[in-house]
PDB file of N, CA and C in Angstrom:
ATOM      1  N   MET A   1     135.949 111.180  89.708  1.00  0.00           N
ATOM      2  CA  MET A   1     134.541 111.298  90.032  1.00  0.00           C
ATOM      3  C   MET A   1     134.391 112.473  90.992  1.00  0.00           C
ATOM      4  N   SER A   2     133.426 113.343  90.706  1.00  0.00           N
ATOM      5  CA  SER A   2     133.218 114.494  91.582  1.00  0.00           C
ATOM      6  C   SER A   2     132.662 114.032  92.931  1.00  0.00           C
ATOM      7  N   GLU A   3     132.831 114.862  93.936  1.00  0.00           N
ATOM      8  CA  GLU A   3     132.321 114.525  95.266  1.00  0.00           C
ATOM      9  C   GLU A   3     130.803 114.364  95.254  1.00  0.00           C
ATOM     10  N   ASP A   4     130.111 115.216  94.487  1.00  0.00           N
ATOM     11  CA  ASP A   4     128.651 115.127  94.406  1.00  0.00           C
ATOM     12  C   ASP A   4     128.216 113.811  93.779  1.00  0.00           C
ATOM     13  N   LEU A   5     128.870 113.432  92.681  1.00  0.00           N
ATOM     14  CA  LEU A   5     128.523 112.177  92.016  1.00  0.00           C
ATOM     15  C   LEU A   5     128.829 110.998  92.928  1.00  0.00           C
ATOM     16  N   TYR A   6     129.985 111.033  93.579  1.00  0.00           N
ATOM     17  CA  TYR A   6     130.348 109.964  94.513  1.00  0.00           C
ATOM     18  C   TYR A   6     129.290 109.812  95.601  1.00  0.00           C
ATOM     19  N   ALA A   7     128.839 110.926  96.155  1.00  0.00           N
ATOM     20  CA  ALA A   7     127.837 110.889  97.223  1.00  0.00           C
ATOM     21  C   ALA A   7     126.522 110.310  96.708  1.00  0.00           C
ATOM     22  N   ARG A   8     126.140 110.689  95.487  1.00  0.00           N
ATOM     23  CA  ARG A   8     124.893 110.167  94.915  1.00  0.00           C
ATOM     24  C   ARG A   8     124.969 108.663  94.707  1.00  0.00           C
ATOM     25  N   VAL A   9     126.106 108.183  94.164  1.00  0.00           N
ATOM     26  CA  VAL A   9     126.262 106.745  93.944  1.00  0.00           C
ATOM     27  C   VAL A   9     126.341 106.025  95.280  1.00  0.00           C
ATOM     28  N   LYS A  10     127.099 106.580  96.207  1.00  0.00           N
ATOM     29  CA  LYS A  10     127.252 105.967  97.533  1.00  0.00           C
ATOM     30  C   LYS A  10     125.899 105.817  98.223  1.00  0.00           C
ATOM     31  N   SER A  11     125.012 106.788  98.039  1.00  0.00           N
ATOM     32  CA  SER A  11     123.696 106.719  98.677  1.00  0.00           C
ATOM     33  C   SER A  11     122.835 105.587  98.097  1.00  0.00           C
ATOM     34  N   GLU A  12     123.188 105.117  96.913  1.00  0.00           N
ATOM     35  CA  GLU A  12     122.452 104.018  96.274  1.00  0.00           C
ATOM     36  C   GLU A  12     123.073 102.654  96.541  1.00  0.00           C
ATOM     37  N   THR A  13     124.241 102.648  97.210  1.00  0.00           N
ATOM     38  CA  THR A  13     124.958 101.404  97.454  1.00  0.00           C
ATOM     39  C   THR A  13     124.223 100.545  98.479  1.00  0.00           C
ATOM     40  N   ARG A  14     124.066  99.272  98.127  1.00  0.00           N
ATOM     41  CA  ARG A  14     123.414  98.315  99.024  1.00  0.00           C
ATOM     42  C   ARG A  14     124.473  97.670  99.915  1.00  0.00           C
ATOM     43  N   GLU A  15     124.039  97.128 101.034  1.00  0.00           N
ATOM     44  CA  GLU A  15     124.964  96.499 101.981  1.00  0.00           C
ATOM     45  C   GLU A  15     125.755  95.394 101.286  1.00  0.00           C
ATOM     46  N   GLY A  16     127.073  95.437 101.453  1.00  0.00           N
ATOM     47  CA  GLY A  16     127.953  94.434 100.875  1.00  0.00           C
ATOM     48  C   GLY A  16     128.284  94.658  99.405  1.00  0.00           C
ATOM     49  N   GLU A  17     127.802  95.727  98.833  1.00  0.00           N
ATOM     50  CA  GLU A  17     128.008  96.017  97.413  1.00  0.00           C
ATOM     51  C   GLU A  17     129.171  96.990  97.245  1.00  0.00           C
ATOM     52  N   THR A  18     130.040  96.722  96.276  1.00  0.00           N
ATOM     53  CA  THR A  18     131.136  97.645  95.999  1.00  0.00           C
ATOM     54  C   THR A  18     130.596  98.808  95.179  1.00  0.00           C
ATOM     55  N   LEU A  19     131.391  99.869  95.102  1.00  0.00           N
ATOM     56  CA  LEU A  19     130.999 101.030  94.311  1.00  0.00           C
ATOM     57  C   LEU A  19     130.818 100.636  92.845  1.00  0.00           C
ATOM     58  N   GLY A  20     131.724  99.803  92.334  1.00  0.00           N
ATOM     59  CA  GLY A  20     131.623  99.333  90.956  1.00  0.00           C
ATOM     60  C   GLY A  20     130.356  98.529  90.718  1.00  0.00           C
ATOM     61  N   GLU A  21     130.007  97.668  91.661  1.00  0.00           N
ATOM     62  CA  GLU A  21     128.781  96.873  91.542  1.00  0.00           C
ATOM     63  C   GLU A  21     127.549  97.771  91.555  1.00  0.00           C
ATOM     64  N   THR A  22     127.591  98.813  92.381  1.00  0.00           N
ATOM     65  CA  THR A  22     126.476  99.762  92.431  1.00  0.00           C
ATOM     66  C   THR A  22     126.311 100.441  91.086  1.00  0.00           C
ATOM     67  N   LEU A  23     127.413 100.921  90.524  1.00  0.00           N
ATOM     68  CA  LEU A  23     127.351 101.584  89.221  1.00  0.00           C
ATOM     69  C   LEU A  23     126.812 100.643  88.149  1.00  0.00           C
ATOM     70  N   GLU A  24     127.293  99.411  88.137  1.00  0.00           N
ATOM     71  CA  GLU A  24     126.813  98.438  87.154  1.00  0.00           C
ATOM     72  C   GLU A  24     125.310  98.220  87.305  1.00  0.00           C
ATOM     73  N   ARG A  25     124.847  98.091  88.531  1.00  0.00           N
ATOM     74  CA  ARG A  25     123.419  97.873  88.771  1.00  0.00           C
ATOM     75  C   ARG A  25     122.593  99.064  88.312  1.00  0.00           C
ATOM     76  N   LEU A  26     123.096 100.266  88.572  1.00  0.00           N
ATOM     77  CA  LEU A  26     122.343 101.472  88.239  1.00  0.00           C
ATOM     78  C   LEU A  26     122.231 101.701  86.736  1.00  0.00           C
ATOM     79  N   VAL A  27     123.209 101.246  85.981  1.00  0.00           N
ATOM     80  CA  VAL A  27     123.187 101.508  84.543  1.00  0.00           C
ATOM     81  C   VAL A  27     122.942 100.260  83.697  1.00  0.00           C
ATOM     82  N   GLU A  28     122.720  99.111  84.327  1.00  0.00           N
ATOM     83  CA  GLU A  28     122.625  97.861  83.578  1.00  0.00           C
ATOM     84  C   GLU A  28     121.510  97.856  82.529  1.00  0.00           C
ATOM     85  N   ASP A  29     120.439  98.560  82.770  1.00  0.00           N
ATOM     86  CA  ASP A  29     119.333  98.567  81.819  1.00  0.00           C
ATOM     87  C   ASP A  29     119.321  99.810  80.944  1.00  0.00           C
ATOM     88  N   TYR A  30     120.395 100.580  80.974  1.00  0.00           N
ATOM     89  CA  TYR A  30     120.469 101.824  80.210  1.00  0.00           C
ATOM     90  C   TYR A  30     121.476 101.628  79.088  1.00  0.00           C
ATOM     91  N   SER A  31     120.985 101.469  77.874  1.00  0.00           N
ATOM     92  CA  SER A  31     121.841 101.164  76.735  1.00  0.00           C
ATOM     93  C   SER A  31     122.309 102.425  76.020  1.00  0.00           C
ATOM     94  N   LEU A  32     123.230 102.237  75.098  1.00  0.00           N
ATOM     95  CA  LEU A  32     123.699 103.335  74.281  1.00  0.00           C
ATOM     96  C   LEU A  32     122.556 103.899  73.432  1.00  0.00           C
ATOM     97  N   THR A  33     121.651 103.043  73.030  1.00  0.00           N
ATOM     98  CA  THR A  33     120.470 103.490  72.283  1.00  0.00           C
ATOM     99  C   THR A  33     119.595 104.374  73.161  1.00  0.00           C
ATOM    100  N   ASP A  34     119.422 103.991  74.425  1.00  0.00           N
ATOM    101  CA  ASP A  34     118.654 104.819  75.365  1.00  0.00           C
ATOM    102  C   ASP A  34     119.310 106.192  75.499  1.00  0.00           C
ATOM    103  N   PHE A  35     120.629 106.195  75.626  1.00  0.00           N
ATOM    104  CA  PHE A  35     121.362 107.454  75.746  1.00  0.00           C
ATOM    105  C   PHE A  35     121.142 108.318  74.506  1.00  0.00           C
ATOM    106  N   ALA A  36     121.240 107.702  73.328  1.00  0.00           N
ATOM    107  CA  ALA A  36     121.053 108.446  72.077  1.00  0.00           C
ATOM    108  C   ALA A  36     119.647 109.027  72.001  1.00  0.00           C
ATOM    109  N   ASP A  37     118.658 108.257  72.429  1.00  0.00           N
ATOM    110  CA  ASP A  37     117.275 108.747  72.434  1.00  0.00           C
ATOM    111  C   ASP A  37     117.132 109.938  73.381  1.00  0.00           C
ATOM    112  N   ASP A  38     117.731 109.834  74.563  1.00  0.00           N
ATOM    113  CA  ASP A  38     117.668 110.930  75.532  1.00  0.00           C
ATOM    114  C   ASP A  38     118.402 112.160  75.012  1.00  0.00           C
ATOM    115  N   ALA A  39     119.554 111.940  74.404  1.00  0.00           N
ATOM    116  CA  ALA A  39     120.344 113.051  73.889  1.00  0.00           C
ATOM    117  C   ALA A  39     119.601 113.786  72.776  1.00  0.00           C
ATOM    118  N   ALA A  40     118.799 113.064  72.017  1.00  0.00           N
ATOM    119  CA  ALA A  40     118.037 113.691  70.928  1.00  0.00           C
ATOM    120  C   ALA A  40     117.007 114.674  71.474  1.00  0.00           C
ATOM    121  N   ASP A  41     116.589 114.470  72.718  1.00  0.00           N
ATOM    122  CA  ASP A  41     115.583 115.334  73.344  1.00  0.00           C
ATOM    123  C   ASP A  41     116.185 116.581  73.997  1.00  0.00           C
ATOM    124  N   ILE A  42     117.508 116.662  74.056  1.00  0.00           N
ATOM    125  CA  ILE A  42     118.170 117.800  74.697  1.00  0.00           C
ATOM    126  C   ILE A  42     118.091 119.024  73.799  1.00  0.00           C
ATOM    127  N   ASN A  43     117.707 120.138  74.384  1.00  0.00           N
ATOM    128  CA  ASN A  43     117.645 121.392  73.653  1.00  0.00           C
ATOM    129  C   ASN A  43     118.997 122.093  73.822  1.00  0.00           C
ATOM    130  N   PRO A  44     119.797 122.165  72.754  1.00  0.00           N
ATOM    131  CA  PRO A  44     121.128 122.773  72.888  1.00  0.00           C
ATOM    132  C   PRO A  44     121.079 124.265  73.184  1.00  0.00           C
ATOM    133  N   GLU A  45     119.939 124.873  72.998  1.00  0.00           N
ATOM    134  CA  GLU A  45     119.787 126.302  73.272  1.00  0.00           C
ATOM    135  C   GLU A  45     119.376 126.579  74.719  1.00  0.00           C
ATOM    136  N   PHE A  46     119.062 125.512  75.477  1.00  0.00           N
ATOM    137  CA  PHE A  46     118.617 125.685  76.865  1.00  0.00           C
ATOM    138  C   PHE A  46     119.746 126.230  77.721  1.00  0.00           C
ATOM    139  N   SER A  47     119.424 127.168  78.560  1.00  0.00           N
ATOM    140  CA  SER A  47     120.399 127.760  79.467  1.00  0.00           C
ATOM    141  C   SER A  47     119.793 127.798  80.870  1.00  0.00           C
ATOM    142  N   VAL A  48     120.450 127.138  81.809  1.00  0.00           N
ATOM    143  CA  VAL A  48     119.972 127.152  83.187  1.00  0.00           C
ATOM    144  C   VAL A  48     119.977 128.578  83.713  1.00  0.00           C
ATOM    145  N   ALA A  49     121.017 129.329  83.382  1.00  0.00           N
ATOM    146  CA  ALA A  49     121.112 130.713  83.847  1.00  0.00           C
ATOM    147  C   ALA A  49     119.918 131.524  83.356  1.00  0.00           C
ATOM    148  N   LYS A  50     119.552 131.350  82.088  1.00  0.00           N
ATOM    149  CA  LYS A  50     118.400 132.079  81.556  1.00  0.00           C
ATOM    150  C   LYS A  50     117.094 131.581  82.184  1.00  0.00           C
ATOM    151  N   ALA A  51     116.985 130.268  82.351  1.00  0.00           N
ATOM    152  CA  ALA A  51     115.761 129.684  82.900  1.00  0.00           C
ATOM    153  C   ALA A  51     115.540 130.073  84.356  1.00  0.00           C
ATOM    154  N   THR A  52     116.616 130.381  85.055  1.00  0.00           N
ATOM    155  CA  THR A  52     116.508 130.759  86.467  1.00  0.00           C
ATOM    156  C   THR A  52     116.737 132.248  86.668  1.00  0.00           C
ATOM    157  N   ASP A  53     116.642 132.979  85.588  1.00  0.00           N
ATOM    158  CA  ASP A  53     116.785 134.430  85.636  1.00  0.00           C
ATOM    159  C   ASP A  53     118.143 134.848  86.189  1.00  0.00           C
ATOM    160  N   GLY A  54     119.184 134.048  85.883  1.00  0.00           N
ATOM    161  CA  GLY A  54     120.543 134.396  86.280  1.00  0.00           C
ATOM    162  C   GLY A  54     120.912 134.063  87.707  1.00  0.00           C
ATOM    163  N   SER A  55     120.029 133.368  88.422  1.00  0.00           N
ATOM    164  CA  SER A  55     120.307 133.106  89.835  1.00  0.00           C
ATOM    165  C   SER A  55     121.186 131.881  90.065  1.00  0.00           C
ATOM    166  N   VAL A  56     121.603 131.200  89.004  1.00  0.00           N
ATOM    167  CA  VAL A  56     122.488 130.052  89.155  1.00  0.00           C
ATOM    168  C   VAL A  56     123.826 130.535  89.680  1.00  0.00           C
ATOM    169  N   GLY A  57     124.349 129.840  90.652  1.00  0.00           N
ATOM    170  CA  GLY A  57     125.636 130.207  91.203  1.00  0.00           C
ATOM    171  C   GLY A  57     125.561 131.265  92.283  1.00  0.00           C
ATOM    172  N   VAL A  58     124.369 131.713  92.596  1.00  0.00           N
ATOM    173  CA  VAL A  58     124.196 132.711  93.641  1.00  0.00           C
ATOM    174  C   VAL A  58     124.393 132.030  94.992  1.00  0.00           C
ATOM    175  N   THR A  59     125.085 132.669  95.881  1.00  0.00           N
ATOM    176  CA  THR A  59     125.307 132.131  97.214  1.00  0.00           C
ATOM    177  C   THR A  59     123.997 132.140  97.993  1.00  0.00           C
ATOM    178  N   PRO A  60     123.627 130.979  98.568  1.00  0.00           N
ATOM    179  CA  PRO A  60     122.391 130.917  99.342  1.00  0.00           C
ATOM    180  C   PRO A  60     122.434 131.889 100.516  1.00  0.00           C
ATOM    181  N   PRO A  61     121.278 132.409 100.915  1.00  0.00           N
ATOM    182  CA  PRO A  61     121.230 133.321 102.056  1.00  0.00           C
ATOM    183  C   PRO A  61     121.847 132.677 103.287  1.00  0.00           C
ATOM    184  N   GLY A  62     122.602 133.449 104.029  1.00  0.00           N
ATOM    185  CA  GLY A  62     123.225 132.955 105.251  1.00  0.00           C
ATOM    186  C   GLY A  62     124.585 132.349 105.012  1.00  0.00           C
ATOM    187  N   GLN A  63     124.983 132.202 103.731  1.00  0.00           N
ATOM    188  CA  GLN A  63     126.279 131.595 103.433  1.00  0.00           C
ATOM    189  C   GLN A  63     127.206 132.587 102.734  1.00  0.00           C
ATOM    190  N   GLU A  64     126.905 133.857 102.858  1.00  0.00           N
ATOM    191  CA  GLU A  64     127.747 134.879 102.247  1.00  0.00           C
ATOM    192  C   GLU A  64     129.140 134.825 102.868  1.00  0.00           C
ATOM    193  N   SER A  65     130.142 135.136 102.073  1.00  0.00           N
ATOM    194  CA  SER A  65     131.513 135.121 102.597  1.00  0.00           C
ATOM    195  C   SER A  65     131.681 136.246 103.615  1.00  0.00           C
ATOM    196  N   GLN A  66     132.479 135.991 104.612  1.00  0.00           N
ATOM    197  CA  GLN A  66     132.730 136.967 105.677  1.00  0.00           C
ATOM    198  C   GLN A  66     134.098 137.606 105.462  1.00  0.00           C
ATOM    199  N   GLU A  67     134.224 138.481 104.476  1.00  0.00           N
ATOM    200  CA  GLU A  67     135.522 139.103 104.176  1.00  0.00           C
ATOM    201  C   GLU A  67     135.703 140.366 104.954  1.00  0.00           C
TER     202      GLU A  67
END
């Protein structure tokens, strides 16, 4: 699990709930049919880089490397 995903799931964890219980709760009402319906709406030609004019992956101001 990536650190970002872990942080997102952890932020949804309720007191006394394990990480596994949190995941089960978050996806319990999301079926394979729901996933298939959502996947059908995905545009395979969509490009985040194109949609953001190539600015994806650009270092935010003030965080440039100090080489």
